[in-house]
Amino acid sequence: VATISSTGGSTDYADSVKGRFTISRDN
């Protein structure tokens, strides 16, 4: 569904959820 880099600086989404879902992280 979604991917986030180790620093949080890069994200990627499946087309089916793009614009609706947001991935984030708090290291």
PDB file of all heavy atoms in Angstrom:
ATOM      1  N   VAL A   1       0.822  -1.204   0.000  1.00  0.00           N
ATOM      2  CA  VAL A   1       0.000   0.000   0.000  1.00  0.00           C
ATOM      3  C   VAL A   1       0.860   1.259   0.000  1.00  0.00           C
ATOM      4  O   VAL A   1       0.609   2.183  -0.765  1.00  0.00           O
ATOM      5  CB  VAL A   1      -0.931  -0.003   1.223  1.00  0.00           C
ATOM      6  CG1 VAL A   1      -1.686   1.313   1.338  1.00  0.00           C
ATOM      7  CG2 VAL A   1      -1.902  -1.171   1.155  1.00  0.00           C
ATOM      8  N   ALA A   2       1.851   1.297   0.902  1.00  0.00           N
ATOM      9  CA  ALA A   2       2.650   2.516   1.055  1.00  0.00           C
ATOM     10  C   ALA A   2       4.012   2.185   1.626  1.00  0.00           C
ATOM     11  O   ALA A   2       4.159   1.220   2.382  1.00  0.00           O
ATOM     12  CB  ALA A   2       1.940   3.512   1.964  1.00  0.00           C
ATOM     13  N   THR A   3       4.994   3.007   1.263  1.00  0.00           N
ATOM     14  CA  THR A   3       6.384   2.831   1.696  1.00  0.00           C
ATOM     15  C   THR A   3       6.930   4.175   2.148  1.00  0.00           C
ATOM     16  O   THR A   3       6.627   5.208   1.536  1.00  0.00           O
ATOM     17  CB  THR A   3       7.249   2.303   0.545  1.00  0.00           C
ATOM     18  OG1 THR A   3       6.698   1.079   0.055  1.00  0.00           O
ATOM     19  CG2 THR A   3       8.685   2.065   0.990  1.00  0.00           C
ATOM     20  N   ILE A   4       7.747   4.151   3.207  1.00  0.00           N
ATOM     21  CA  ILE A   4       8.422   5.364   3.655  1.00  0.00           C
ATOM     22  C   ILE A   4       9.878   5.039   3.947  1.00  0.00           C
ATOM     23  O   ILE A   4      10.187   3.984   4.524  1.00  0.00           O
ATOM     24  CB  ILE A   4       7.715   5.986   4.875  1.00  0.00           C
ATOM     25  CG1 ILE A   4       8.306   7.356   5.213  1.00  0.00           C
ATOM     26  CG2 ILE A   4       7.730   5.042   6.080  1.00  0.00           C
ATOM     27  CD1 ILE A   4       7.438   8.162   6.181  1.00  0.00           C
ATOM     28  N   SER A   5      10.763   5.925   3.535  1.00  0.00           N
ATOM     29  CA  SER A   5      12.194   5.705   3.757  1.00  0.00           C
ATOM     30  C   SER A   5      12.527   5.803   5.237  1.00  0.00           C
ATOM     31  O   SER A   5      11.711   6.240   6.058  1.00  0.00           O
ATOM     32  CB  SER A   5      12.991   6.732   2.962  1.00  0.00           C
ATOM     33  OG  SER A   5      12.697   8.034   3.433  1.00  0.00           O
ATOM     34  N   SER A   6      13.749   5.439   5.569  1.00  0.00           N
ATOM     35  CA  SER A   6      14.148   5.400   6.977  1.00  0.00           C
ATOM     36  C   SER A   6      14.085   6.782   7.637  1.00  0.00           C
ATOM     37  O   SER A   6      13.754   6.898   8.815  1.00  0.00           O
ATOM     38  CB  SER A   6      15.551   4.822   7.119  1.00  0.00           C
ATOM     39  OG  SER A   6      16.476   5.578   6.370  1.00  0.00           O
ATOM     40  N   THR A   7      14.388   7.813   6.861  1.00  0.00           N
ATOM     41  CA  THR A   7      14.355   9.175   7.416  1.00  0.00           C
ATOM     42  C   THR A   7      12.979   9.818   7.302  1.00  0.00           C
ATOM     43  O   THR A   7      12.735  10.867   7.894  1.00  0.00           O
ATOM     44  CB  THR A   7      15.350  10.069   6.677  1.00  0.00           C
ATOM     45  OG1 THR A   7      14.941  10.159   5.311  1.00  0.00           O
ATOM     46  CG2 THR A   7      16.762   9.523   6.776  1.00  0.00           C
ATOM     47  N   GLY A   8      12.117   9.212   6.520  1.00  0.00           N
ATOM     48  CA  GLY A   8      10.801   9.803   6.276  1.00  0.00           C
ATOM     49  C   GLY A   8      10.783  10.780   5.123  1.00  0.00           C
ATOM     50  O   GLY A   8       9.740  11.348   4.804  1.00  0.00           O
ATOM     51  N   GLY A   9      11.914  10.937   4.473  1.00  0.00           N
ATOM     52  CA  GLY A   9      12.009  11.929   3.416  1.00  0.00           C
ATOM     53  C   GLY A   9      11.437  11.501   2.077  1.00  0.00           C
ATOM     54  O   GLY A   9      11.255  12.333   1.180  1.00  0.00           O
ATOM     55  N   SER A  10      11.144  10.223   1.938  1.00  0.00           N
ATOM     56  CA  SER A  10      10.626   9.705   0.678  1.00  0.00           C
ATOM     57  C   SER A  10       9.477   8.751   0.941  1.00  0.00           C
ATOM     58  O   SER A  10       9.566   7.901   1.837  1.00  0.00           O
ATOM     59  CB  SER A  10      11.740   8.981  -0.076  1.00  0.00           C
ATOM     60  OG  SER A  10      11.262   8.410  -1.270  1.00  0.00           O
ATOM     61  N   THR A  11       8.409   8.905   0.179  1.00  0.00           N
ATOM     62  CA  THR A  11       7.254   8.034   0.315  1.00  0.00           C
ATOM     63  C   THR A  11       6.791   7.574  -1.063  1.00  0.00           C
ATOM     64  O   THR A  11       7.072   8.206  -2.087  1.00  0.00           O
ATOM     65  CB  THR A  11       6.080   8.742   1.023  1.00  0.00           C
ATOM     66  OG1 THR A  11       5.716   9.909   0.267  1.00  0.00           O
ATOM     67  CG2 THR A  11       6.453   9.151   2.436  1.00  0.00           C
ATOM     68  N   ASP A  12       6.052   6.471  -1.052  1.00  0.00           N
ATOM     69  CA  ASP A  12       5.504   5.947  -2.298  1.00  0.00           C
ATOM     70  C   ASP A  12       4.206   5.246  -1.984  1.00  0.00           C
ATOM     71  O   ASP A  12       4.043   4.696  -0.883  1.00  0.00           O
ATOM     72  CB  ASP A  12       6.478   4.977  -2.958  1.00  0.00           C
ATOM     73  CG  ASP A  12       6.104   4.669  -4.402  1.00  0.00           C
ATOM     74  OD1 ASP A  12       5.479   5.544  -5.047  1.00  0.00           O
ATOM     75  OD2 ASP A  12       6.416   3.574  -4.882  1.00  0.00           O
ATOM     76  N   TYR A  13       3.274   5.254  -2.945  1.00  0.00           N
ATOM     77  CA  TYR A  13       1.944   4.708  -2.710  1.00  0.00           C
ATOM     78  C   TYR A  13       1.466   3.870  -3.885  1.00  0.00           C
ATOM     79  O   TYR A  13       1.824   4.146  -5.042  1.00  0.00           O
ATOM     80  CB  TYR A  13       0.946   5.852  -2.491  1.00  0.00           C
ATOM     81  CG  TYR A  13       1.258   6.719  -1.307  1.00  0.00           C
ATOM     82  CD1 TYR A  13       2.032   7.862  -1.443  1.00  0.00           C
ATOM     83  CD2 TYR A  13       0.784   6.388  -0.035  1.00  0.00           C
ATOM     84  CE1 TYR A  13       2.343   8.654  -0.355  1.00  0.00           C
ATOM     85  CE2 TYR A  13       1.079   7.174   1.057  1.00  0.00           C
ATOM     86  CZ  TYR A  13       1.866   8.304   0.897  1.00  0.00           C
ATOM     87  OH  TYR A  13       2.166   9.085   1.987  1.00  0.00           O
ATOM     88  N   ALA A  14       0.638   2.905  -3.586  1.00  0.00           N
ATOM     89  CA  ALA A  14      -0.076   2.199  -4.634  1.00  0.00           C
ATOM     90  C   ALA A  14      -1.045   3.165  -5.302  1.00  0.00           C
ATOM     91  O   ALA A  14      -1.590   4.063  -4.647  1.00  0.00           O
ATOM     92  CB  ALA A  14      -0.829   1.015  -4.050  1.00  0.00           C
ATOM     93  N   ASP A  15      -1.266   2.963  -6.588  1.00  0.00           N
ATOM     94  CA  ASP A  15      -2.179   3.847  -7.307  1.00  0.00           C
ATOM     95  C   ASP A  15      -3.568   3.863  -6.683  1.00  0.00           C
ATOM     96  O   ASP A  15      -4.259   4.886  -6.693  1.00  0.00           O
ATOM     97  CB  ASP A  15      -2.280   3.410  -8.771  1.00  0.00           C
ATOM     98  CG  ASP A  15      -1.029   3.741  -9.567  1.00  0.00           C
ATOM     99  OD1 ASP A  15      -0.227   4.587  -9.108  1.00  0.00           O
ATOM    100  OD2 ASP A  15      -0.861   3.163 -10.654  1.00  0.00           O
ATOM    101  N   SER A  16      -3.971   2.740  -6.119  1.00  0.00           N
ATOM    102  CA  SER A  16      -5.326   2.613  -5.574  1.00  0.00           C
ATOM    103  C   SER A  16      -5.566   3.481  -4.343  1.00  0.00           C
ATOM    104  O   SER A  16      -6.714   3.741  -3.978  1.00  0.00           O
ATOM    105  CB  SER A  16      -5.620   1.159  -5.236  1.00  0.00           C
ATOM    106  OG  SER A  16      -4.674   0.659  -4.308  1.00  0.00           O
ATOM    107  N   VAL A  17      -4.487   3.943  -3.693  1.00  0.00           N
ATOM    108  CA  VAL A  17      -4.656   4.742  -2.473  1.00  0.00           C
ATOM    109  C   VAL A  17      -4.034   6.127  -2.592  1.00  0.00           C
ATOM    110  O   VAL A  17      -4.168   6.952  -1.679  1.00  0.00           O
ATOM    111  CB  VAL A  17      -4.057   4.019  -1.242  1.00  0.00           C
ATOM    112  CG1 VAL A  17      -4.629   2.619  -1.110  1.00  0.00           C
ATOM    113  CG2 VAL A  17      -2.539   4.001  -1.287  1.00  0.00           C
ATOM    114  N   LYS A  18      -3.380   6.411  -3.704  1.00  0.00           N
ATOM    115  CA  LYS A  18      -2.694   7.684  -3.883  1.00  0.00           C
ATOM    116  C   LYS A  18      -3.683   8.833  -3.749  1.00  0.00           C
ATOM    117  O   LYS A  18      -4.769   8.811  -4.335  1.00  0.00           O
ATOM    118  CB  LYS A  18      -2.015   7.707  -5.252  1.00  0.00           C
ATOM    119  CG  LYS A  18      -0.824   8.617  -5.352  1.00  0.00           C
ATOM    120  CD  LYS A  18      -0.056   8.355  -6.642  1.00  0.00           C
ATOM    121  CE  LYS A  18       0.705   7.059  -6.601  1.00  0.00           C
ATOM    122  NZ  LYS A  18       1.564   6.850  -7.791  1.00  0.00           N
ATOM    123  N   GLY A  19      -3.314   9.832  -2.958  1.00  0.00           N
ATOM    124  CA  GLY A  19      -4.183  10.977  -2.734  1.00  0.00           C
ATOM    125  C   GLY A  19      -5.158  10.795  -1.586  1.00  0.00           C
ATOM    126  O   GLY A  19      -5.793  11.758  -1.149  1.00  0.00           O
ATOM    127  N   ARG A  20      -5.293   9.568  -1.088  1.00  0.00           N
ATOM    128  CA  ARG A  20      -6.211   9.301   0.037  1.00  0.00           C
ATOM    129  C   ARG A  20      -5.472   8.860   1.295  1.00  0.00           C
ATOM    130  O   ARG A  20      -5.918   9.152   2.410  1.00  0.00           O
ATOM    131  CB  ARG A  20      -7.213   8.212  -0.363  1.00  0.00           C
ATOM    132  CG  ARG A  20      -8.076   8.562  -1.554  1.00  0.00           C
ATOM    133  CD  ARG A  20      -9.182   7.525  -1.759  1.00  0.00           C
ATOM    134  NE  ARG A  20      -8.661   6.200  -2.051  1.00  0.00           N
ATOM    135  CZ  ARG A  20      -8.932   5.115  -1.318  1.00  0.00           C
ATOM    136  NH1 ARG A  20      -9.711   5.201  -0.255  1.00  0.00           N
ATOM    137  NH2 ARG A  20      -8.427   3.927  -1.655  1.00  0.00           N
ATOM    138  N   PHE A  21      -4.374   8.136   1.123  1.00  0.00           N
ATOM    139  CA  PHE A  21      -3.611   7.615   2.259  1.00  0.00           C
ATOM    140  C   PHE A  21      -2.307   8.390   2.398  1.00  0.00           C
ATOM    141  O   PHE A  21      -1.707   8.821   1.407  1.00  0.00           O
ATOM    142  CB  PHE A  21      -3.274   6.143   2.054  1.00  0.00           C
ATOM    143  CG  PHE A  21      -4.440   5.189   2.152  1.00  0.00           C
ATOM    144  CD1 PHE A  21      -5.756   5.627   2.164  1.00  0.00           C
ATOM    145  CD2 PHE A  21      -4.216   3.823   2.237  1.00  0.00           C
ATOM    146  CE1 PHE A  21      -6.822   4.745   2.258  1.00  0.00           C
ATOM    147  CE2 PHE A  21      -5.262   2.917   2.331  1.00  0.00           C
ATOM    148  CZ  PHE A  21      -6.573   3.381   2.334  1.00  0.00           C
ATOM    149  N   THR A  22      -1.850   8.518   3.639  1.00  0.00           N
ATOM    150  CA  THR A  22      -0.568   9.158   3.916  1.00  0.00           C
ATOM    151  C   THR A  22       0.215   8.319   4.917  1.00  0.00           C
ATOM    152  O   THR A  22      -0.284   8.036   6.015  1.00  0.00           O
ATOM    153  CB  THR A  22      -0.764  10.567   4.495  1.00  0.00           C
ATOM    154  OG1 THR A  22      -1.525  11.361   3.585  1.00  0.00           O
ATOM    155  CG2 THR A  22       0.586  11.240   4.727  1.00  0.00           C
ATOM    156  N   ILE A  23       1.423   7.945   4.534  1.00  0.00           N
ATOM    157  CA  ILE A  23       2.302   7.212   5.434  1.00  0.00           C
ATOM    158  C   ILE A  23       3.256   8.192   6.093  1.00  0.00           C
ATOM    159  O   ILE A  23       3.712   9.157   5.457  1.00  0.00           O
ATOM    160  CB  ILE A  23       3.069   6.095   4.687  1.00  0.00           C
ATOM    161  CG1 ILE A  23       3.820   5.198   5.666  1.00  0.00           C
ATOM    162  CG2 ILE A  23       3.995   6.670   3.618  1.00  0.00           C
ATOM    163  CD1 ILE A  23       4.419   3.947   5.015  1.00  0.00           C
ATOM    164  N   SER A  24       3.531   7.967   7.360  1.00  0.00           N
ATOM    165  CA  SER A  24       4.467   8.827   8.081  1.00  0.00           C
ATOM    166  C   SER A  24       5.148   7.995   9.161  1.00  0.00           C
ATOM    167  O   SER A  24       4.787   6.842   9.392  1.00  0.00           O
ATOM    168  CB  SER A  24       3.746  10.030   8.698  1.00  0.00           C
ATOM    169  OG  SER A  24       2.764   9.610   9.616  1.00  0.00           O
ATOM    170  N   ARG A  25       6.133   8.608   9.800  1.00  0.00           N
ATOM    171  CA  ARG A  25       6.830   7.905  10.877  1.00  0.00           C
ATOM    172  C   ARG A  25       7.379   8.908  11.870  1.00  0.00           C
ATOM    173  O   ARG A  25       7.664  10.056  11.520  1.00  0.00           O
ATOM    174  CB  ARG A  25       7.961   7.037  10.321  1.00  0.00           C
ATOM    175  CG  ARG A  25       9.096   7.809   9.666  1.00  0.00           C
ATOM    176  CD  ARG A  25      10.042   6.874   8.918  1.00  0.00           C
ATOM    177  NE  ARG A  25      10.703   5.926   9.828  1.00  0.00           N
ATOM    178  CZ  ARG A  25      11.249   4.775   9.421  1.00  0.00           C
ATOM    179  NH1 ARG A  25      11.207   4.434   8.132  1.00  0.00           N
ATOM    180  NH2 ARG A  25      11.851   3.984  10.291  1.00  0.00           N
ATOM    181  N   ASP A  26       7.547   8.452  13.093  1.00  0.00           N
ATOM    182  CA  ASP A  26       8.171   9.243  14.149  1.00  0.00           C
ATOM    183  C   ASP A  26       9.303   8.385  14.704  1.00  0.00           C
ATOM    184  O   ASP A  26       9.054   7.461  15.496  1.00  0.00           O
ATOM    185  CB  ASP A  26       7.148   9.592  15.229  1.00  0.00           C
ATOM    186  CG  ASP A  26       7.707  10.519  16.284  1.00  0.00           C
ATOM    187  OD1 ASP A  26       8.937  10.551  16.461  1.00  0.00           O
ATOM    188  OD2 ASP A  26       6.920  11.203  16.946  1.00  0.00           O
ATOM    189  N   ASN A  27      10.514   8.669  14.284  1.00  0.00           N
ATOM    190  CA  ASN A  27      11.640   7.828  14.698  1.00  0.00           C
ATOM    191  C   ASN A  27      11.953   7.977  16.190  1.00  0.00           C
ATOM    192  O   ASN A  27      12.531   7.077  16.785  1.00  0.00           O
ATOM    193  CB  ASN A  27      12.870   8.136  13.857  1.00  0.00           C
ATOM    194  CG  ASN A  27      12.764   7.537  12.458  1.00  0.00           C
ATOM    195  OD1 ASN A  27      11.900   6.699  12.187  1.00  0.00           O
ATOM    196  ND2 ASN A  27      13.634   7.973  11.563  1.00  0.00           N
TER     197      ASN A  27
END
